[in-house]
C-alpha atoms as a PDB file:
ATOM      1  CA  MET A   1     292.336 131.352 101.733  1.00  0.00           C
ATOM      2  CA  SER A   2     291.302 128.337  99.501  1.00  0.00           C
ATOM      3  CA  GLU A   3     290.452 125.077 100.731  1.00  0.00           C
ATOM      4  CA  TYR A   4     292.896 122.427 100.810  1.00  0.00           C
ATOM      5  CA  GLN A   5     291.745 118.450 101.205  1.00  0.00           C
ATOM      6  CA  TYR A   6     294.571 115.961 100.580  1.00  0.00           C
ATOM      7  CA  TYR A   7     293.716 112.144 100.647  1.00  0.00           C
ATOM      8  CA  GLU A   8     296.209 109.277  99.833  1.00  0.00           C
ATOM      9  CA  PHE A   9     295.544 105.681 100.749  1.00  0.00           C
ATOM     10  CA  LEU A  10     298.492 102.574 100.354  1.00  0.00           C
ATOM     11  CA  ALA A  11     297.952  99.102  99.995  1.00  0.00           C
ATOM     12  CA  VAL A  12     300.611  97.292 102.002  1.00  0.00           C
ATOM     13  CA  ASP A  13     300.045  94.016 102.332  1.00  0.00           C
ATOM     14  CA  ARG A  14     298.990  93.129  98.699  1.00  0.00           C
ATOM     15  CA  PRO A  15     298.189  95.088  95.356  1.00  0.00           C
ATOM     16  CA  LEU A  16     295.540  96.118  94.000  1.00  0.00           C
ATOM     17  CA  GLU A  17     293.968  94.227  91.122  1.00  0.00           C
ATOM     18  CA  ASP A  18     293.217  95.399  87.689  1.00  0.00           C
ATOM     19  CA  ARG A  19     289.342  95.902  88.668  1.00  0.00           C
ATOM     20  CA  GLN A  20     290.098  97.237  91.760  1.00  0.00           C
ATOM     21  CA  ILE A  21     291.873 100.305  89.797  1.00  0.00           C
ATOM     22  CA  ASP A  22     289.377 100.780  87.814  1.00  0.00           C
ATOM     23  CA  ASP A  23     286.841 101.138  90.468  1.00  0.00           C
ATOM     24  CA  LEU A  24     289.053 103.719  91.806  1.00  0.00           C
ATOM     25  CA  ARG A  25     289.754 105.528  88.737  1.00  0.00           C
ATOM     26  CA  ARG A  26     285.719 105.503  88.520  1.00  0.00           C
ATOM     27  CA  LEU A  27     285.895 107.668  91.647  1.00  0.00           C
ATOM     28  CA  SER A  28     288.388 110.233  90.688  1.00  0.00           C
ATOM     29  CA  THR A  29     290.104 111.118  87.024  1.00  0.00           C
ATOM     30  CA  ARG A  30     292.516 113.123  88.804  1.00  0.00           C
ATOM     31  CA  ALA A  31     294.339 111.073  91.055  1.00  0.00           C
ATOM     32  CA  HIS A  32     297.223 109.575  91.102  1.00  0.00           C
ATOM     33  CA  ILE A  33     296.540 105.732  90.943  1.00  0.00           C
ATOM     34  CA  THR A  34     299.218 102.670  91.470  1.00  0.00           C
ATOM     35  CA  PRO A  35     298.615  99.056  92.266  1.00  0.00           C
ATOM     36  CA  THR A  36     300.013 100.251  95.715  1.00  0.00           C
ATOM     37  CA  SER A  37     298.549 103.565  96.013  1.00  0.00           C
ATOM     38  CA  PHE A  38     295.715 106.471  95.448  1.00  0.00           C
ATOM     39  CA  VAL A  39     297.183 110.007  96.129  1.00  0.00           C
ATOM     40  CA  ASN A  40     294.868 113.106  94.908  1.00  0.00           C
ATOM     41  CA  THR A  41     293.978 116.798  96.361  1.00  0.00           C
ATOM     42  CA  TYR A  42     290.909 118.629  96.075  1.00  0.00           C
ATOM     43  CA  GLU A  43     290.759 122.375  96.091  1.00  0.00           C
ATOM     44  CA  TRP A  44     287.178 123.100  95.392  1.00  0.00           C
ATOM     45  CA  VAL A  45     285.071 119.500  95.301  1.00  0.00           C
ATOM     46  CA  ASP A  46     285.231 116.942  97.684  1.00  0.00           C
ATOM     47  CA  PHE A  47     286.141 113.370  97.281  1.00  0.00           C
ATOM     48  CA  ARG A  48     283.178 111.275  96.245  1.00  0.00           C
ATOM     49  CA  GLY A  49     284.306 108.183  97.705  1.00  0.00           C
ATOM     50  CA  ASN A  50     283.936 106.640 101.279  1.00  0.00           C
ATOM     51  CA  PRO A  51     287.162 106.273 103.096  1.00  0.00           C
ATOM     52  CA  CYS A  52     286.124 103.340 105.349  1.00  0.00           C
ATOM     53  CA  ALA A  53     284.802 101.392 102.709  1.00  0.00           C
ATOM     54  CA  LEU A  54     287.810 101.787 100.517  1.00  0.00           C
ATOM     55  CA  MET A  55     289.861 100.628 103.651  1.00  0.00           C
ATOM     56  CA  GLU A  56     287.407  97.524 104.630  1.00  0.00           C
ATOM     57  CA  ASN A  57     287.835  96.455 100.873  1.00  0.00           C
ATOM     58  CA  TYR A  58     291.303  97.904  99.430  1.00  0.00           C
ATOM     59  CA  PHE A  59     293.941  99.386 101.560  1.00  0.00           C
ATOM     60  CA  ASP A  60     296.144  99.505 104.586  1.00  0.00           C
ATOM     61  CA  ALA A  61     296.214 102.684 105.334  1.00  0.00           C
ATOM     62  CA  PHE A  62     294.716 106.044 104.918  1.00  0.00           C
ATOM     63  CA  LEU A  63     295.648 109.826 105.504  1.00  0.00           C
ATOM     64  CA  TYR A  64     293.299 112.463 105.554  1.00  0.00           C
ATOM     65  CA  LEU A  65     294.226 116.476 105.830  1.00  0.00           C
ATOM     66  CA  ALA A  66     292.650 119.500 105.377  1.00  0.00           C
ATOM     67  CA  ASN A  67     294.027 123.000 105.829  1.00  0.00           C
ATOM     68  CA  TRP A  68     291.222 124.091 108.037  1.00  0.00           C
ATOM     69  CA  GLY A  69     292.498 121.890 110.941  1.00  0.00           C
ATOM     70  CA  THR A  70     291.013 118.130 110.087  1.00  0.00           C
ATOM     71  CA  HIS A  71     293.641 115.301 110.645  1.00  0.00           C
ATOM     72  CA  ARG A  72     292.459 111.495 110.139  1.00  0.00           C
ATOM     73  CA  LEU A  73     294.931 108.409 109.837  1.00  0.00           C
ATOM     74  CA  MET A  74     293.110 104.744 109.762  1.00  0.00           C
ATOM     75  CA  LEU A  75     295.300 101.701 109.377  1.00  0.00           C
ATOM     76  CA  ARG A  76     294.469  98.547 109.036  1.00  0.00           C
ATOM     77  CA  LEU A  77     295.828  94.719 110.384  1.00  0.00           C
ATOM     78  CA  PRO A  78     294.852  91.332 110.356  1.00  0.00           C
ATOM     79  CA  PRO A  79     293.196  90.152 114.013  1.00  0.00           C
ATOM     80  CA  ARG A  80     296.118  88.210 114.611  1.00  0.00           C
ATOM     81  CA  LEU A  81     298.517  90.998 114.620  1.00  0.00           C
ATOM     82  CA  LEU A  82     296.027  93.658 116.240  1.00  0.00           C
ATOM     83  CA  ASP A  83     293.776  92.515 118.997  1.00  0.00           C
ATOM     84  CA  LEU A  84     290.047  94.103 118.406  1.00  0.00           C
ATOM     85  CA  LYS A  85     289.400  93.680 122.003  1.00  0.00           C
ATOM     86  CA  THR A  86     292.655  95.158 123.048  1.00  0.00           C
ATOM     87  CA  ALA A  87     292.586  97.875 120.797  1.00  0.00           C
ATOM     88  CA  GLN A  88     288.748  98.795 122.118  1.00  0.00           C
ATOM     89  CA  GLN A  89     290.040  99.488 125.235  1.00  0.00           C
ATOM     90  CA  TYR A  90     292.008 102.406 124.213  1.00  0.00           C
ATOM     91  CA  CYS A  91     289.738 103.808 121.587  1.00  0.00           C
ATOM     92  CA  VAL A  92     286.851 104.870 123.216  1.00  0.00           C
ATOM     93  CA  GLY A  93     285.055 108.022 121.682  1.00  0.00           C
ATOM     94  CA  GLU A  94     284.681 109.495 118.060  1.00  0.00           C
ATOM     95  CA  ALA A  95     288.376 110.372 118.105  1.00  0.00           C
ATOM     96  CA  ALA A  96     289.788 107.091 118.041  1.00  0.00           C
ATOM     97  CA  SER A  97     288.090 104.398 117.065  1.00  0.00           C
ATOM     98  CA  VAL A  98     288.262 100.586 115.694  1.00  0.00           C
ATOM     99  CA  TRP A  99     286.241  97.795 114.448  1.00  0.00           C
ATOM    100  CA  ALA A 100     286.450  94.500 112.756  1.00  0.00           C
ATOM    101  CA  GLU A 101     285.467  94.167 108.777  1.00  0.00           C
ATOM    102  CA  GLY A 102     285.815  90.514 107.554  1.00  0.00           C
ATOM    103  CA  ASP A 103     288.891  89.523 108.278  1.00  0.00           C
ATOM    104  CA  GLN A 104     290.670  92.864 108.960  1.00  0.00           C
ATOM    105  CA  VAL A 105     290.802  94.958 112.274  1.00  0.00           C
ATOM    106  CA  ILE A 106     290.592  98.917 111.353  1.00  0.00           C
ATOM    107  CA  LEU A 107     292.162 101.923 113.455  1.00  0.00           C
ATOM    108  CA  ASP A 108     290.792 104.798 112.876  1.00  0.00           C
ATOM    109  CA  LEU A 109     292.305 108.051 114.407  1.00  0.00           C
ATOM    110  CA  VAL A 110     290.933 111.653 114.011  1.00  0.00           C
ATOM    111  CA  SER A 111     292.027 115.532 115.687  1.00  0.00           C
ATOM    112  CA  GLU A 112     290.424 118.444 114.651  1.00  0.00           C
ATOM    113  CA  ASP A 113     292.849 121.589 115.062  1.00  0.00           C
ATOM    114  CA  GLU A 114     290.186 124.202 115.997  1.00  0.00           C
ATOM    115  CA  GLN A 115     292.679 127.054 115.496  1.00  0.00           C
ATOM    116  CA  GLY A 116     292.959 125.917 111.605  1.00  0.00           C
ATOM    117  CA  ASP A 117     295.686 127.778 109.155  1.00  0.00           C
ATOM    118  CA  TRP A 118     297.758 124.303 108.723  1.00  0.00           C
ATOM    119  CA  GLU A 119     300.178 125.179 106.179  1.00  0.00           C
ATOM    120  CA  ASP A 120     301.926 121.847 105.438  1.00  0.00           C
ATOM    121  CA  SER A 121     300.700 119.532 102.666  1.00  0.00           C
ATOM    122  CA  GLY A 122     299.880 116.271 102.989  1.00  0.00           C
ATOM    123  CA  GLU A 123     302.936 114.777 101.369  1.00  0.00           C
ATOM    124  CA  GLY A 124     305.270 112.551 102.904  1.00  0.00           C
ATOM    125  CA  TRP A 125     303.537 112.281 106.103  1.00  0.00           C
ATOM    126  CA  LEU A 126     301.556 108.907 105.443  1.00  0.00           C
ATOM    127  CA  ALA A 127     305.509 107.551 104.530  1.00  0.00           C
ATOM    128  CA  SER A 128     306.573 108.670 107.769  1.00  0.00           C
ATOM    129  CA  ILE A 129     303.927 106.941 109.759  1.00  0.00           C
ATOM    130  CA  ILE A 130     303.306 103.866 108.086  1.00  0.00           C
ATOM    131  CA  PRO A 131     306.443 101.724 109.372  1.00  0.00           C
ATOM    132  CA  LEU A 132     303.534 102.348 112.888  1.00  0.00           C
ATOM    133  CA  ARG A 133     301.712  99.759 111.213  1.00  0.00           C
ATOM    134  CA  ALA A 134     304.191  97.153 111.616  1.00  0.00           C
ATOM    135  CA  GLU A 135     305.150  98.068 115.431  1.00  0.00           C
ATOM    136  CA  LEU A 136     301.853  97.856 115.910  1.00  0.00           C
ATOM    137  CA  GLY A 137     301.508  94.377 114.434  1.00  0.00           C
ATOM    138  CA  SER A 138     304.946  93.637 116.679  1.00  0.00           C
ATOM    139  CA  GLY A 139     302.620  94.171 119.971  1.00  0.00           C
ATOM    140  CA  ASP A 140     303.827  97.968 120.348  1.00  0.00           C
ATOM    141  CA  LEU A 141     300.746  99.223 122.159  1.00  0.00           C
ATOM    142  CA  ARG A 142     302.087 102.974 122.068  1.00  0.00           C
ATOM    143  CA  ALA A 143     300.025 104.191 119.628  1.00  0.00           C
ATOM    144  CA  LEU A 144     297.025 102.511 121.205  1.00  0.00           C
ATOM    145  CA  TYR A 145     297.846 104.941 124.038  1.00  0.00           C
ATOM    146  CA  PHE A 146     298.337 107.921 121.690  1.00  0.00           C
ATOM    147  CA  SER A 147     294.500 106.555 120.348  1.00  0.00           C
ATOM    148  CA  TRP A 148     293.388 106.926 124.049  1.00  0.00           C
ATOM    149  CA  LEU A 149     295.254 110.272 124.308  1.00  0.00           C
ATOM    150  CA  LEU A 150     293.324 111.605 121.159  1.00  0.00           C
ATOM    151  CA  SER A 151     289.739 111.180 122.612  1.00  0.00           C
ATOM    152  CA  ALA A 152     291.202 113.182 125.729  1.00  0.00           C
ATOM    153  CA  GLN A 153     292.480 115.952 123.784  1.00  0.00           C
ATOM    154  CA  ALA A 154     288.834 115.562 121.987  1.00  0.00           C
ATOM    155  CA  GLY A 155     287.301 116.065 125.687  1.00  0.00           C
ATOM    156  CA  GLU A 156     285.544 112.940 124.783  1.00  0.00           C
ATOM    157  CA  LEU A 157     286.520 111.225 128.429  1.00  0.00           C
ATOM    158  CA  GLU A 158     284.149 110.940 131.200  1.00  0.00           C
ATOM    159  CA  ASP A 159     285.578 111.938 134.920  1.00  0.00           C
ATOM    160  CA  GLU A 160     284.882 108.064 136.187  1.00  0.00           C
ATOM    161  CA  ALA A 161     286.697 106.904 132.827  1.00  0.00           C
ATOM    162  CA  VAL A 162     289.072 104.196 133.613  1.00  0.00           C
ATOM    163  CA  GLU A 163     292.473 104.565 132.054  1.00  0.00           C
ATOM    164  CA  PRO A 164     294.024 101.773 129.839  1.00  0.00           C
ATOM    165  CA  ARG A 165     297.172  99.907 130.787  1.00  0.00           C
ATOM    166  CA  VAL A 166     299.944 102.114 130.052  1.00  0.00           C
ATOM    167  CA  PRO A 167     302.422 100.837 127.288  1.00  0.00           C
ATOM    168  CA  LEU A 168     306.516 101.098 128.288  1.00  0.00           C
ATOM    169  CA  GLY A 169     308.328 103.278 126.550  1.00  0.00           C
ATOM    170  CA  LEU A 170     306.288 106.818 126.440  1.00  0.00           C
ATOM    171  CA  ALA A 171     309.616 108.924 127.102  1.00  0.00           C
ATOM    172  CA  THR A 172     311.769 107.513 124.160  1.00  0.00           C
ATOM    173  CA  LEU A 173     309.191 107.459 121.144  1.00  0.00           C
ATOM    174  CA  THR A 174     310.175 105.801 117.679  1.00  0.00           C
ATOM    175  CA  ALA A 175     310.249 107.795 114.290  1.00  0.00           C
ATOM    176  CA  PRO A 176     306.750 106.894 113.424  1.00  0.00           C
ATOM    177  CA  LEU A 177     305.694 107.574 117.104  1.00  0.00           C
ATOM    178  CA  GLN A 178     306.757 110.669 116.654  1.00  0.00           C
ATOM    179  CA  SER A 179     305.096 111.387 113.106  1.00  0.00           C
ATOM    180  CA  LEU A 180     302.207 110.254 114.580  1.00  0.00           C
ATOM    181  CA  ALA A 181     302.031 112.762 117.369  1.00  0.00           C
ATOM    182  CA  ASP A 182     303.085 115.477 115.091  1.00  0.00           C
ATOM    183  CA  PHE A 183     300.273 114.706 112.749  1.00  0.00           C
ATOM    184  CA  CYS A 184     297.503 114.313 115.056  1.00  0.00           C
ATOM    185  CA  VAL A 185     298.160 115.014 118.922  1.00  0.00           C
ATOM    186  CA  SER A 186     298.589 118.613 120.040  1.00  0.00           C
ATOM    187  CA  MET A 187     301.699 120.378 121.602  1.00  0.00           C
ATOM    188  CA  LYS A 188     300.040 120.091 125.274  1.00  0.00           C
ATOM    189  CA  THR A 189     299.256 116.580 124.980  1.00  0.00           C
ATOM    190  CA  CYS A 190     303.100 115.723 123.716  1.00  0.00           C
ATOM    191  CA  SER A 191     304.404 117.754 126.777  1.00  0.00           C
ATOM    192  CA  ARG A 192     302.647 115.963 129.068  1.00  0.00           C
ATOM    193  CA  LEU A 193     303.837 112.452 127.650  1.00  0.00           C
ATOM    194  CA  ARG A 194     307.324 113.634 129.113  1.00  0.00           C
ATOM    195  CA  LEU A 195     305.712 113.112 132.440  1.00  0.00           C
ATOM    196  CA  TRP A 196     305.472 109.524 132.164  1.00  0.00           C
ATOM    197  CA  PRO A 197     308.121 107.285 133.697  1.00  0.00           C
ATOM    198  CA  ALA A 198     309.551 104.366 131.313  1.00  0.00           C
ATOM    199  CA  SER A 199     309.202 102.525 134.329  1.00  0.00           C
ATOM    200  CA  SER A 200     306.254 100.451 134.893  1.00  0.00           C
ATOM    201  CA  GLN A 201     306.606 100.864 138.262  1.00  0.00           C
ATOM    202  CA  GLU A 202     304.802 104.559 138.336  1.00  0.00           C
ATOM    203  CA  SER A 203     301.759 104.092 140.369  1.00  0.00           C
ATOM    204  CA  ASN A 204     298.234 104.013 138.714  1.00  0.00           C
ATOM    205  CA  ALA A 205     297.454 107.007 140.970  1.00  0.00           C
ATOM    206  CA  THR A 206     299.870 109.214 140.140  1.00  0.00           C
ATOM    207  CA  ARG A 207     299.404 108.668 135.958  1.00  0.00           C
ATOM    208  CA  ARG A 208     295.927 109.432 136.527  1.00  0.00           C
ATOM    209  CA  ARG A 209     296.580 112.649 138.568  1.00  0.00           C
ATOM    210  CA  ILE A 210     298.926 113.582 135.407  1.00  0.00           C
ATOM    211  CA  TRP A 211     296.356 112.964 132.469  1.00  0.00           C
ATOM    212  CA  ARG A 212     293.110 114.043 134.645  1.00  0.00           C
ATOM    213  CA  SER A 213     295.142 117.387 135.588  1.00  0.00           C
ATOM    214  CA  GLY A 214     295.763 118.304 132.196  1.00  0.00           C
ATOM    215  CA  SER A 215     292.776 116.746 130.273  1.00  0.00           C
ATOM    216  CA  ARG A 216     291.140 120.008 129.353  1.00  0.00           C
ATOM    217  CA  ALA A 217     294.124 121.309 128.126  1.00  0.00           C
ATOM    218  CA  PHE A 218     294.761 118.276 125.885  1.00  0.00           C
ATOM    219  CA  ARG A 219     292.458 120.038 123.586  1.00  0.00           C
ATOM    220  CA  TRP A 220     293.529 121.647 120.709  1.00  0.00           C
END
């Protein structure tokens, strides 16, 4: 089976300047580049750019998909919409990380499907997930909790790890949250989300038993 890598970047808050488009064109002569996007696929070579640097300087969202099972999503928001310290409570490993660069906070989510054989192309995924950026900006922390679940799924949580605050509404996901789950989170992890009550009255001890008992099963 040939390799397939899909890269898509989006500029949401403001369009790219002409000089920025010229910079991107030097990274790829084949990519489809507009004032708001960069899209390209690779089969035999790798992308010459650095996604982290491009997110820090040009774009507000990034999605990467490889047919051997790597999925990556990055979202950039100003700190008034995504508090860095709050995000750091949920982003505790390599599968989910967050950092500040200038006047922006960048969330980086990575999942690895060891079984591979991902058959879908990357087209359409970012369009279905990008409204999540507005949800995060409005204070909805469910995407951050998914970030924490990615670390559990990757086996990165220590036994003494402290569970962050569980947001309301995990039992009823928005369409962008569902797309995030489909793209990044394994089916075993998603099935366990249904065990979380919508009410905040459920005890922390019960919730910890639910995720702790299945933390090893959260891996792909």
